[in-house]
Amino acid sequence: MILLKLYLALGDSITAGYGVESPFSFPMVYASFLRRHNPNLKLLNFGINGLTTSGLLNQLRTNQNLRTSIRHAFLITLTIGSNDLLRLIGNPNQPIKTSQLPIIQRTMSRTLMQIGQELRSLNPYAIIKVATLYNPLPAGPYANYYSLVQGIIDTANAMIVMWAKSYGFIVVNLDREIKGKELLFISRDHAHPNAAGYQMIAKAFARY
C-alpha cells in the first residue's frame, strides 16, 4: 500500500491561481517542488476567487469534504484577508472608505482567531503556512492610494503575524518578496500575480 501525503491549499484567488492556467498556480508549482522529496504527494486546492475570512470560516464549519481533508493533511497553505480589505475601495474616483476600517479590522481579527481554532481542532499537528498580504498598487488606477493602502496592509499583516503565532502557523512574508518588484510579479489587472509572481510565491512557501 502506497501512503499518500496530502497537501491542502486554502484561500482566495491567490490560491485558486486567478489569471493563469492551473499548472502555473502557486500550489501546483509548490507541489511539484515537494514531490522531489515526497513523490506520493497529493494536492487538493480549495482556493475560491473572492473568498473572505468569513467565507473561509463558513467553509471550515460546513464543508464536510474540506473538514475531512484538513484532518488528513500534513501540510496546509493559506492566503486570506485581501478581499476583506477590498471592501474599503469603491472605484478609482472615490476616496477609500477609511471610516469603515476599524470595523473591518475588528471583524477580520475575530474571524481569523475562529479560523485558527477550527483548523487546529481538526488537525493539531499539520504544518500550516499563512501568507502576509501584499500591496500591488505602485501602478494602475489606484496608484495614488499606494501610501494609504500600505499603512492599512501593514496593520493587517501585524494582525496576521500575531494570529499565526497564536496557533503555531508559519508566516510567509509575501509583502517582502513583492515590494519593489511589483512590475515583475503583478499582472495587468494590477491586483493578482502573473505567472512569474505565482512562481515566486511557490518558492517563498518552499523557503519558509
C-alpha atoms as a PDB file:
ATOM      1  CA  MET A   1       0.000   0.000   0.000  1.00  0.00           C
ATOM      2  CA  ILE A   2       1.398   3.395  -1.025  1.00  0.00           C
ATOM      3  CA  LEU A   3       0.960   6.053   1.659  1.00  0.00           C
ATOM      4  CA  LEU A   4      -0.088   9.379   0.169  1.00  0.00           C
ATOM      5  CA  LYS A   5       0.879  12.653   1.811  1.00  0.00           C
ATOM      6  CA  LEU A   6      -1.809  15.300   1.474  1.00  0.00           C
ATOM      7  CA  TYR A   7      -1.034  18.975   0.808  1.00  0.00           C
ATOM      8  CA  LEU A   8      -4.133  21.146   1.154  1.00  0.00           C
ATOM      9  CA  ALA A   9      -4.248  24.672  -0.331  1.00  0.00           C
ATOM     10  CA  LEU A  10      -6.841  27.011   1.200  1.00  0.00           C
ATOM     11  CA  GLY A  11      -7.695  30.606   0.450  1.00  0.00           C
ATOM     12  CA  ASP A  12      -8.706  33.220  -2.069  1.00  0.00           C
ATOM     13  CA  SER A  13      -7.875  33.904  -5.723  1.00  0.00           C
ATOM     14  CA  ILE A  14      -4.127  33.822  -4.980  1.00  0.00           C
ATOM     15  CA  THR A  15      -4.529  30.156  -4.043  1.00  0.00           C
ATOM     16  CA  ALA A  16      -7.033  29.487  -6.832  1.00  0.00           C
ATOM     17  CA  GLY A  17      -4.465  30.778  -9.352  1.00  0.00           C
ATOM     18  CA  TYR A  18      -6.580  33.557 -10.825  1.00  0.00           C
ATOM     19  CA  GLY A  19      -5.304  34.726 -14.217  1.00  0.00           C
ATOM     20  CA  VAL A  20      -3.136  31.723 -15.118  1.00  0.00           C
ATOM     21  CA  GLU A  21      -3.697  28.158 -16.249  1.00  0.00           C
ATOM     22  CA  SER A  22      -3.929  25.585 -13.439  1.00  0.00           C
ATOM     23  CA  PRO A  23      -0.353  24.207 -13.848  1.00  0.00           C
ATOM     24  CA  PHE A  24       1.016  27.696 -13.134  1.00  0.00           C
ATOM     25  CA  SER A  25      -0.898  28.304  -9.883  1.00  0.00           C
ATOM     26  CA  PHE A  26       1.381  28.561  -6.870  1.00  0.00           C
ATOM     27  CA  PRO A  27       0.014  25.406  -5.151  1.00  0.00           C
ATOM     28  CA  MET A  28       0.721  23.355  -8.294  1.00  0.00           C
ATOM     29  CA  VAL A  29       4.244  24.753  -8.566  1.00  0.00           C
ATOM     30  CA  TYR A  30       4.867  24.296  -4.835  1.00  0.00           C
ATOM     31  CA  ALA A  31       3.547  20.716  -5.005  1.00  0.00           C
ATOM     32  CA  SER A  32       5.990  19.983  -7.823  1.00  0.00           C
ATOM     33  CA  PHE A  33       8.838  21.149  -5.554  1.00  0.00           C
ATOM     34  CA  LEU A  34       7.573  18.961  -2.701  1.00  0.00           C
ATOM     35  CA  ARG A  35       7.305  15.867  -4.922  1.00  0.00           C
ATOM     36  CA  ARG A  36      11.083  15.850  -5.329  1.00  0.00           C
ATOM     37  CA  HIS A  37      11.190  14.504  -1.754  1.00  0.00           C
ATOM     38  CA  ASN A  38       7.626  13.175  -1.487  1.00  0.00           C
ATOM     39  CA  PRO A  39       6.787  11.552  -4.836  1.00  0.00           C
ATOM     40  CA  ASN A  40       3.444  10.315  -3.498  1.00  0.00           C
ATOM     41  CA  LEU A  41       2.263  13.793  -2.538  1.00  0.00           C
ATOM     42  CA  LYS A  42      -1.378  14.615  -3.336  1.00  0.00           C
ATOM     43  CA  LEU A  43      -2.562  18.222  -3.760  1.00  0.00           C
ATOM     44  CA  LEU A  44      -6.115  19.394  -3.103  1.00  0.00           C
ATOM     45  CA  ASN A  45      -6.719  23.035  -3.988  1.00  0.00           C
ATOM     46  CA  PHE A  46      -9.759  24.562  -2.281  1.00  0.00           C
ATOM     47  CA  GLY A  47      -8.949  28.122  -3.386  1.00  0.00           C
ATOM     48  CA  ILE A  48     -12.001  30.277  -4.184  1.00  0.00           C
ATOM     49  CA  ASN A  49     -11.915  33.583  -6.053  1.00  0.00           C
ATOM     50  CA  GLY A  50     -13.170  36.443  -3.882  1.00  0.00           C
ATOM     51  CA  LEU A  51     -13.060  34.450  -0.639  1.00  0.00           C
ATOM     52  CA  THR A  52     -13.100  36.500   2.578  1.00  0.00           C
ATOM     53  CA  THR A  53     -12.157  35.433   6.098  1.00  0.00           C
ATOM     54  CA  SER A  54     -15.845  34.979   6.966  1.00  0.00           C
ATOM     55  CA  GLY A  55     -16.352  32.922   3.799  1.00  0.00           C
ATOM     56  CA  LEU A  56     -13.429  30.689   4.738  1.00  0.00           C
ATOM     57  CA  LEU A  57     -14.755  30.247   8.272  1.00  0.00           C
ATOM     58  CA  ASN A  58     -18.120  29.203   6.865  1.00  0.00           C
ATOM     59  CA  GLN A  59     -16.379  26.669   4.594  1.00  0.00           C
ATOM     60  CA  LEU A  60     -14.425  25.258   7.529  1.00  0.00           C
ATOM     61  CA  ARG A  61     -17.617  24.787   9.533  1.00  0.00           C
ATOM     62  CA  THR A  62     -19.947  23.415   6.856  1.00  0.00           C
ATOM     63  CA  ASN A  63     -17.960  21.729   4.053  1.00  0.00           C
ATOM     64  CA  GLN A  64     -17.569  18.123   5.176  1.00  0.00           C
ATOM     65  CA  ASN A  65     -15.169  17.221   2.349  1.00  0.00           C
ATOM     66  CA  LEU A  66     -12.941  20.112   3.369  1.00  0.00           C
ATOM     67  CA  ARG A  67     -13.080  19.166   7.049  1.00  0.00           C
ATOM     68  CA  THR A  68     -12.108  15.576   6.242  1.00  0.00           C
ATOM     69  CA  SER A  69      -9.240  16.788   4.037  1.00  0.00           C
ATOM     70  CA  ILE A  70      -7.931  19.053   6.803  1.00  0.00           C
ATOM     71  CA  ARG A  71      -7.888  16.129   9.236  1.00  0.00           C
ATOM     72  CA  HIS A  72      -5.678  14.137   6.849  1.00  0.00           C
ATOM     73  CA  ALA A  73      -3.348  16.892   5.627  1.00  0.00           C
ATOM     74  CA  PHE A  74       0.297  17.022   6.636  1.00  0.00           C
ATOM     75  CA  LEU A  75       0.683  20.494   5.074  1.00  0.00           C
ATOM     76  CA  ILE A  76      -1.798  23.360   4.651  1.00  0.00           C
ATOM     77  CA  THR A  77      -1.149  26.695   2.933  1.00  0.00           C
ATOM     78  CA  LEU A  78      -3.421  29.695   3.336  1.00  0.00           C
ATOM     79  CA  THR A  79      -3.862  33.054   1.584  1.00  0.00           C
ATOM     80  CA  ILE A  80      -6.687  35.134   3.033  1.00  0.00           C
ATOM     81  CA  GLY A  81      -7.581  38.695   4.016  1.00  0.00           C
ATOM     82  CA  SER A  82      -7.198  40.776   0.861  1.00  0.00           C
ATOM     83  CA  ASN A  83     -10.879  40.610  -0.014  1.00  0.00           C
ATOM     84  CA  ASP A  84     -11.841  41.824   3.455  1.00  0.00           C
ATOM     85  CA  LEU A  85      -9.813  44.999   2.845  1.00  0.00           C
ATOM     86  CA  LEU A  86     -11.153  45.471  -0.694  1.00  0.00           C
ATOM     87  CA  ARG A  87     -14.462  46.491   0.869  1.00  0.00           C
ATOM     88  CA  LEU A  88     -12.771  49.821   1.606  1.00  0.00           C
ATOM     89  CA  ILE A  89     -12.391  50.606  -2.095  1.00  0.00           C
ATOM     90  CA  GLY A  90     -15.258  51.755  -4.286  1.00  0.00           C
ATOM     91  CA  ASN A  91     -13.869  52.933  -7.628  1.00  0.00           C
ATOM     92  CA  PRO A  92     -10.731  54.892  -8.581  1.00  0.00           C
ATOM     93  CA  ASN A  93     -12.641  58.181  -8.497  1.00  0.00           C
ATOM     94  CA  GLN A  94     -13.860  57.739  -4.916  1.00  0.00           C
ATOM     95  CA  PRO A  95     -11.821  58.042  -1.719  1.00  0.00           C
ATOM     96  CA  ILE A  96     -11.099  54.918   0.299  1.00  0.00           C
ATOM     97  CA  LYS A  97     -13.759  54.418   2.958  1.00  0.00           C
ATOM     98  CA  THR A  98     -11.385  54.742   5.907  1.00  0.00           C
ATOM     99  CA  SER A  99     -14.280  55.248   8.334  1.00  0.00           C
ATOM    100  CA  GLN A 100     -15.125  51.558   7.903  1.00  0.00           C
ATOM    101  CA  LEU A 101     -11.556  50.421   8.582  1.00  0.00           C
ATOM    102  CA  PRO A 102     -11.823  49.856  12.375  1.00  0.00           C
ATOM    103  CA  ILE A 103     -14.953  47.732  11.922  1.00  0.00           C
ATOM    104  CA  ILE A 104     -13.359  45.654   9.150  1.00  0.00           C
ATOM    105  CA  GLN A 105     -10.165  45.193  11.187  1.00  0.00           C
ATOM    106  CA  ARG A 106     -12.038  44.080  14.322  1.00  0.00           C
ATOM    107  CA  THR A 107     -14.181  41.647  12.335  1.00  0.00           C
ATOM    108  CA  MET A 108     -11.170  40.284  10.463  1.00  0.00           C
ATOM    109  CA  SER A 109      -9.183  39.790  13.685  1.00  0.00           C
ATOM    110  CA  ARG A 110     -12.043  37.945  15.375  1.00  0.00           C
ATOM    111  CA  THR A 111     -12.689  35.776  12.325  1.00  0.00           C
ATOM    112  CA  LEU A 112      -9.010  34.859  11.941  1.00  0.00           C
ATOM    113  CA  MET A 113      -8.965  33.617  15.530  1.00  0.00           C
ATOM    114  CA  GLN A 114     -12.025  31.465  14.836  1.00  0.00           C
ATOM    115  CA  ILE A 115     -10.336  30.104  11.680  1.00  0.00           C
ATOM    116  CA  GLY A 116      -7.282  29.211  13.752  1.00  0.00           C
ATOM    117  CA  GLN A 117      -9.450  27.399  16.286  1.00  0.00           C
ATOM    118  CA  GLU A 118     -11.229  25.417  13.565  1.00  0.00           C
ATOM    119  CA  LEU A 119      -8.001  24.412  11.823  1.00  0.00           C
ATOM    120  CA  ARG A 120      -6.253  23.328  14.999  1.00  0.00           C
ATOM    121  CA  SER A 121      -9.291  21.485  16.363  1.00  0.00           C
ATOM    122  CA  LEU A 122      -9.439  19.497  13.121  1.00  0.00           C
ATOM    123  CA  ASN A 123      -5.682  18.975  12.845  1.00  0.00           C
ATOM    124  CA  PRO A 124      -3.388  19.880  15.755  1.00  0.00           C
ATOM    125  CA  TYR A 125      -0.260  18.603  14.025  1.00  0.00           C
ATOM    126  CA  ALA A 126      -0.278  19.797  10.392  1.00  0.00           C
ATOM    127  CA  ILE A 127       2.318  22.249   9.169  1.00  0.00           C
ATOM    128  CA  ILE A 128       0.251  25.350   8.377  1.00  0.00           C
ATOM    129  CA  LYS A 129       1.805  28.209   6.382  1.00  0.00           C
ATOM    130  CA  VAL A 130      -0.028  31.526   6.044  1.00  0.00           C
ATOM    131  CA  ALA A 131       0.893  34.351   3.671  1.00  0.00           C
ATOM    132  CA  THR A 132       1.008  38.025   4.523  1.00  0.00           C
ATOM    133  CA  LEU A 133      -0.842  40.474   2.259  1.00  0.00           C
ATOM    134  CA  TYR A 134       0.979  42.498  -0.381  1.00  0.00           C
ATOM    135  CA  ASN A 135       0.420  45.927  -1.899  1.00  0.00           C
ATOM    136  CA  PRO A 136       0.107  45.727  -5.721  1.00  0.00           C
ATOM    137  CA  LEU A 137      -0.547  49.425  -6.273  1.00  0.00           C
ATOM    138  CA  PRO A 138       2.593  51.252  -7.492  1.00  0.00           C
ATOM    139  CA  ALA A 139       0.994  51.151 -10.937  1.00  0.00           C
ATOM    140  CA  GLY A 140      -2.577  51.132 -12.162  1.00  0.00           C
ATOM    141  CA  PRO A 141      -5.783  53.052 -11.491  1.00  0.00           C
ATOM    142  CA  TYR A 142      -5.349  53.065  -7.712  1.00  0.00           C
ATOM    143  CA  ALA A 143      -1.672  54.111  -7.696  1.00  0.00           C
ATOM    144  CA  ASN A 144      -2.414  57.392  -5.917  1.00  0.00           C
ATOM    145  CA  TYR A 145      -3.652  55.354  -2.929  1.00  0.00           C
ATOM    146  CA  TYR A 146      -0.350  53.494  -2.555  1.00  0.00           C
ATOM    147  CA  SER A 147       0.819  55.059   0.727  1.00  0.00           C
ATOM    148  CA  LEU A 148      -2.586  54.889   2.384  1.00  0.00           C
ATOM    149  CA  VAL A 149      -3.091  51.285   1.335  1.00  0.00           C
ATOM    150  CA  GLN A 150       0.410  50.364   2.519  1.00  0.00           C
ATOM    151  CA  GLY A 151      -0.439  51.547   6.016  1.00  0.00           C
ATOM    152  CA  ILE A 152      -3.656  49.506   6.021  1.00  0.00           C
ATOM    153  CA  ILE A 153      -1.803  46.415   4.780  1.00  0.00           C
ATOM    154  CA  ASP A 154       0.973  46.837   7.369  1.00  0.00           C
ATOM    155  CA  THR A 155      -1.652  46.871  10.137  1.00  0.00           C
ATOM    156  CA  ALA A 156      -3.375  43.799   8.684  1.00  0.00           C
ATOM    157  CA  ASN A 157      -0.059  41.959   8.383  1.00  0.00           C
ATOM    158  CA  ALA A 158       0.802  42.687  12.018  1.00  0.00           C
ATOM    159  CA  MET A 159      -2.558  41.104  12.874  1.00  0.00           C
ATOM    160  CA  ILE A 160      -1.815  38.072  10.677  1.00  0.00           C
ATOM    161  CA  VAL A 161       1.615  37.572  12.290  1.00  0.00           C
ATOM    162  CA  MET A 162       0.160  37.688  15.820  1.00  0.00           C
ATOM    163  CA  TRP A 163      -2.616  35.302  14.804  1.00  0.00           C
ATOM    164  CA  ALA A 164      -0.162  32.866  13.220  1.00  0.00           C
ATOM    165  CA  LYS A 165       1.993  32.797  16.344  1.00  0.00           C
ATOM    166  CA  SER A 166      -1.071  32.059  18.484  1.00  0.00           C
ATOM    167  CA  TYR A 167      -1.732  28.832  16.572  1.00  0.00           C
ATOM    168  CA  GLY A 168       1.768  27.711  15.654  1.00  0.00           C
ATOM    169  CA  PHE A 169       1.455  28.677  11.991  1.00  0.00           C
ATOM    170  CA  ILE A 170       4.448  29.614   9.842  1.00  0.00           C
ATOM    171  CA  VAL A 171       4.317  33.116   8.311  1.00  0.00           C
ATOM    172  CA  VAL A 172       5.346  33.508   4.657  1.00  0.00           C
ATOM    173  CA  ASN A 173       6.186  37.179   4.131  1.00  0.00           C
ATOM    174  CA  LEU A 174       4.871  37.779   0.610  1.00  0.00           C
ATOM    175  CA  ASP A 175       4.850  41.539   1.184  1.00  0.00           C
ATOM    176  CA  ARG A 176       8.657  41.500   1.492  1.00  0.00           C
ATOM    177  CA  GLU A 177       9.031  39.271  -1.562  1.00  0.00           C
ATOM    178  CA  ILE A 178       6.947  41.524  -3.825  1.00  0.00           C
ATOM    179  CA  LYS A 179       7.768  45.025  -2.555  1.00  0.00           C
ATOM    180  CA  GLY A 180       9.793  46.915  -5.149  1.00  0.00           C
ATOM    181  CA  LYS A 181       9.263  44.171  -7.748  1.00  0.00           C
ATOM    182  CA  GLU A 182       5.589  44.759  -8.478  1.00  0.00           C
ATOM    183  CA  LEU A 183       6.153  45.337 -12.191  1.00  0.00           C
ATOM    184  CA  LEU A 184       7.844  41.925 -12.418  1.00  0.00           C
ATOM    185  CA  PHE A 185       5.301  39.929 -10.447  1.00  0.00           C
ATOM    186  CA  ILE A 186       1.882  41.635 -10.750  1.00  0.00           C
ATOM    187  CA  SER A 187      -0.377  41.070 -13.751  1.00  0.00           C
ATOM    188  CA  ARG A 188      -2.065  43.681 -15.908  1.00  0.00           C
ATOM    189  CA  ASP A 189      -5.104  43.728 -13.643  1.00  0.00           C
ATOM    190  CA  HIS A 190      -2.864  45.479 -11.058  1.00  0.00           C
ATOM    191  CA  ALA A 191      -4.008  43.051  -8.348  1.00  0.00           C
ATOM    192  CA  HIS A 192      -3.143  39.407  -8.978  1.00  0.00           C
ATOM    193  CA  PRO A 193       0.232  37.797  -9.637  1.00  0.00           C
ATOM    194  CA  ASN A 194       1.316  36.910 -13.159  1.00  0.00           C
ATOM    195  CA  ALA A 195       2.928  33.542 -13.923  1.00  0.00           C
ATOM    196  CA  ALA A 196       6.304  34.784 -12.619  1.00  0.00           C
ATOM    197  CA  GLY A 197       4.547  36.051  -9.494  1.00  0.00           C
ATOM    198  CA  TYR A 198       2.955  32.691  -8.772  1.00  0.00           C
ATOM    199  CA  GLN A 199       6.326  31.014  -9.293  1.00  0.00           C
ATOM    200  CA  MET A 200       7.858  33.451  -6.792  1.00  0.00           C
ATOM    201  CA  ILE A 201       5.067  32.729  -4.276  1.00  0.00           C
ATOM    202  CA  ALA A 202       5.649  28.968  -4.596  1.00  0.00           C
ATOM    203  CA  LYS A 203       9.367  29.482  -3.949  1.00  0.00           C
ATOM    204  CA  ALA A 204       8.577  31.636  -0.914  1.00  0.00           C
ATOM    205  CA  PHE A 205       6.306  28.956   0.561  1.00  0.00           C
ATOM    206  CA  ALA A 206       9.036  26.381  -0.056  1.00  0.00           C
ATOM    207  CA  ARG A 207      11.681  28.532   1.621  1.00  0.00           C
ATOM    208  CA  TYR A 208       9.826  29.412   4.848  1.00  0.00           C
END
